[in-house]
Amino acid sequence: MTVMVIIAGAMFAIGALFAAVRLQRGPTLLDRAAALDVLLAIVVGVIVLNAAATDSAVTLVVAVVVSLLGFLGTASLAKLLPRDRK
């Protein structure tokens, strides 16, 4: 199980690196918002991976709360983004 956790952690790290590059280089605000959403999904994945590795049920509650906060943030950002797309 430890080898699988290390492999999954490395994959999460690579995904976070690519999302951080998109966050920094993104030409539009929509690209940056999507990169932040991907980073949030990666954070939730890491929390769930930690819960699976440590057999902790409390950590899953933290993952659900982070997911809900991320959804609210994404929804509020979508409400604020300009709608004039051509």
C-alpha atoms as a PDB file:
ATOM      1  CA  MET A   1       0.000   0.000   0.000  1.00  0.00           C
ATOM      2  CA  THR A   2       2.882   2.383   0.720  1.00  0.00           C
ATOM      3  CA  VAL A   3       4.183   2.129  -2.836  1.00  0.00           C
ATOM      4  CA  MET A   4       0.744   2.964  -4.221  1.00  0.00           C
ATOM      5  CA  VAL A   5       0.459   5.989  -1.917  1.00  0.00           C
ATOM      6  CA  ILE A   6       3.844   7.248  -3.115  1.00  0.00           C
ATOM      7  CA  ILE A   7       2.881   6.760  -6.772  1.00  0.00           C
ATOM      8  CA  ALA A   8      -0.461   8.517  -6.277  1.00  0.00           C
ATOM      9  CA  GLY A   9       1.248  11.344  -4.386  1.00  0.00           C
ATOM     10  CA  ALA A  10       3.729  11.790  -7.212  1.00  0.00           C
ATOM     11  CA  MET A  11       0.906  11.924  -9.737  1.00  0.00           C
ATOM     12  CA  PHE A  12      -0.888  14.521  -7.639  1.00  0.00           C
ATOM     13  CA  ALA A  13       2.344  16.543  -7.456  1.00  0.00           C
ATOM     14  CA  ILE A  14       2.778  16.466 -11.237  1.00  0.00           C
ATOM     15  CA  GLY A  15      -0.831  17.532 -11.729  1.00  0.00           C
ATOM     16  CA  ALA A  16      -0.420  20.348  -9.221  1.00  0.00           C
ATOM     17  CA  LEU A  17       2.708  21.515 -11.028  1.00  0.00           C
ATOM     18  CA  PHE A  18       0.888  21.674 -14.365  1.00  0.00           C
ATOM     19  CA  ALA A  19      -2.067  23.475 -12.772  1.00  0.00           C
ATOM     20  CA  ALA A  20       0.267  25.975 -11.115  1.00  0.00           C
ATOM     21  CA  VAL A  21       1.902  26.695 -14.461  1.00  0.00           C
ATOM     22  CA  ARG A  22      -1.529  27.308 -16.002  1.00  0.00           C
ATOM     23  CA  LEU A  23      -2.435  29.504 -13.046  1.00  0.00           C
ATOM     24  CA  GLN A  24       0.666  31.617 -13.581  1.00  0.00           C
ATOM     25  CA  ARG A  25       0.588  31.761 -17.386  1.00  0.00           C
ATOM     26  CA  GLY A  26      -3.147  31.716 -18.022  1.00  0.00           C
ATOM     27  CA  PRO A  27      -3.951  34.441 -20.503  1.00  0.00           C
ATOM     28  CA  THR A  28      -7.514  34.942 -19.287  1.00  0.00           C
ATOM     29  CA  LEU A  29      -9.224  35.064 -15.951  1.00  0.00           C
ATOM     30  CA  LEU A  30     -11.256  32.008 -16.915  1.00  0.00           C
ATOM     31  CA  ASP A  31      -8.072  29.963 -17.424  1.00  0.00           C
ATOM     32  CA  ARG A  32      -6.846  30.974 -13.995  1.00  0.00           C
ATOM     33  CA  ALA A  33     -10.187  30.121 -12.398  1.00  0.00           C
ATOM     34  CA  ALA A  34     -10.119  26.671 -13.999  1.00  0.00           C
ATOM     35  CA  ALA A  35      -6.540  26.148 -12.765  1.00  0.00           C
ATOM     36  CA  LEU A  36      -7.597  27.066  -9.228  1.00  0.00           C
ATOM     37  CA  ASP A  37     -10.474  24.619  -9.464  1.00  0.00           C
ATOM     38  CA  VAL A  38      -8.087  21.879 -10.576  1.00  0.00           C
ATOM     39  CA  LEU A  39      -5.717  22.709  -7.707  1.00  0.00           C
ATOM     40  CA  LEU A  40      -8.625  22.455  -5.291  1.00  0.00           C
ATOM     41  CA  ALA A  41      -9.556  19.046  -6.681  1.00  0.00           C
ATOM     42  CA  ILE A  42      -5.949  17.936  -6.244  1.00  0.00           C
ATOM     43  CA  VAL A  43      -5.953  19.150  -2.628  1.00  0.00           C
ATOM     44  CA  VAL A  44      -9.125  17.171  -1.956  1.00  0.00           C
ATOM     45  CA  GLY A  45      -7.536  14.140  -3.611  1.00  0.00           C
ATOM     46  CA  VAL A  46      -4.469  14.429  -1.397  1.00  0.00           C
ATOM     47  CA  ILE A  47      -6.671  14.697   1.696  1.00  0.00           C
ATOM     48  CA  VAL A  48      -8.579  11.564   0.654  1.00  0.00           C
ATOM     49  CA  LEU A  49      -5.292   9.792  -0.092  1.00  0.00           C
ATOM     50  CA  ASN A  50      -4.108  10.688   3.406  1.00  0.00           C
ATOM     51  CA  ALA A  51      -7.376   9.364   4.836  1.00  0.00           C
ATOM     52  CA  ALA A  52      -6.915   6.091   2.989  1.00  0.00           C
ATOM     53  CA  ALA A  53      -3.297   5.757   4.094  1.00  0.00           C
ATOM     54  CA  THR A  54      -4.019   6.457   7.771  1.00  0.00           C
ATOM     55  CA  ASP A  55      -7.511   4.889   8.060  1.00  0.00           C
ATOM     56  CA  SER A  56      -8.886   8.136   9.438  1.00  0.00           C
ATOM     57  CA  ALA A  57     -12.583   8.891   9.118  1.00  0.00           C
ATOM     58  CA  VAL A  58     -12.212  12.438  10.446  1.00  0.00           C
ATOM     59  CA  THR A  59     -10.019  13.354   7.481  1.00  0.00           C
ATOM     60  CA  LEU A  60     -12.847  12.468   5.114  1.00  0.00           C
ATOM     61  CA  VAL A  61     -15.050  15.031   6.844  1.00  0.00           C
ATOM     62  CA  VAL A  62     -12.332  17.620   6.237  1.00  0.00           C
ATOM     63  CA  ALA A  63     -12.273  16.626   2.549  1.00  0.00           C
ATOM     64  CA  VAL A  64     -16.035  17.114   2.271  1.00  0.00           C
ATOM     65  CA  VAL A  65     -15.840  20.535   3.917  1.00  0.00           C
ATOM     66  CA  VAL A  66     -12.993  21.612   1.611  1.00  0.00           C
ATOM     67  CA  SER A  67     -14.996  20.379  -1.388  1.00  0.00           C
ATOM     68  CA  LEU A  68     -18.047  22.351  -0.342  1.00  0.00           C
ATOM     69  CA  LEU A  69     -16.015  25.511   0.232  1.00  0.00           C
ATOM     70  CA  GLY A  70     -14.366  25.080  -3.153  1.00  0.00           C
ATOM     71  CA  PHE A  71     -17.730  24.637  -4.834  1.00  0.00           C
ATOM     72  CA  LEU A  72     -19.029  27.797  -3.213  1.00  0.00           C
ATOM     73  CA  GLY A  73     -15.918  29.696  -4.272  1.00  0.00           C
ATOM     74  CA  THR A  74     -16.161  28.461  -7.845  1.00  0.00           C
ATOM     75  CA  ALA A  75     -19.859  29.269  -8.032  1.00  0.00           C
ATOM     76  CA  SER A  76     -19.331  32.774  -6.673  1.00  0.00           C
ATOM     77  CA  LEU A  77     -16.437  33.368  -9.060  1.00  0.00           C
ATOM     78  CA  ALA A  78     -18.582  32.220 -11.979  1.00  0.00           C
ATOM     79  CA  LYS A  79     -21.217  34.717 -10.884  1.00  0.00           C
ATOM     80  CA  LEU A  80     -18.653  37.540 -10.921  1.00  0.00           C
ATOM     81  CA  LEU A  81     -16.959  36.725 -14.222  1.00  0.00           C
ATOM     82  CA  PRO A  82     -17.973  38.885 -17.175  1.00  0.00           C
ATOM     83  CA  ARG A  83     -20.427  37.296 -19.585  1.00  0.00           C
ATOM     84  CA  ASP A  84     -19.405  39.097 -22.758  1.00  0.00           C
ATOM     85  CA  ARG A  85     -17.582  36.249 -24.498  1.00  0.00           C
ATOM     86  CA  LYS A  86     -17.104  36.614 -28.244  1.00  0.00           C
END
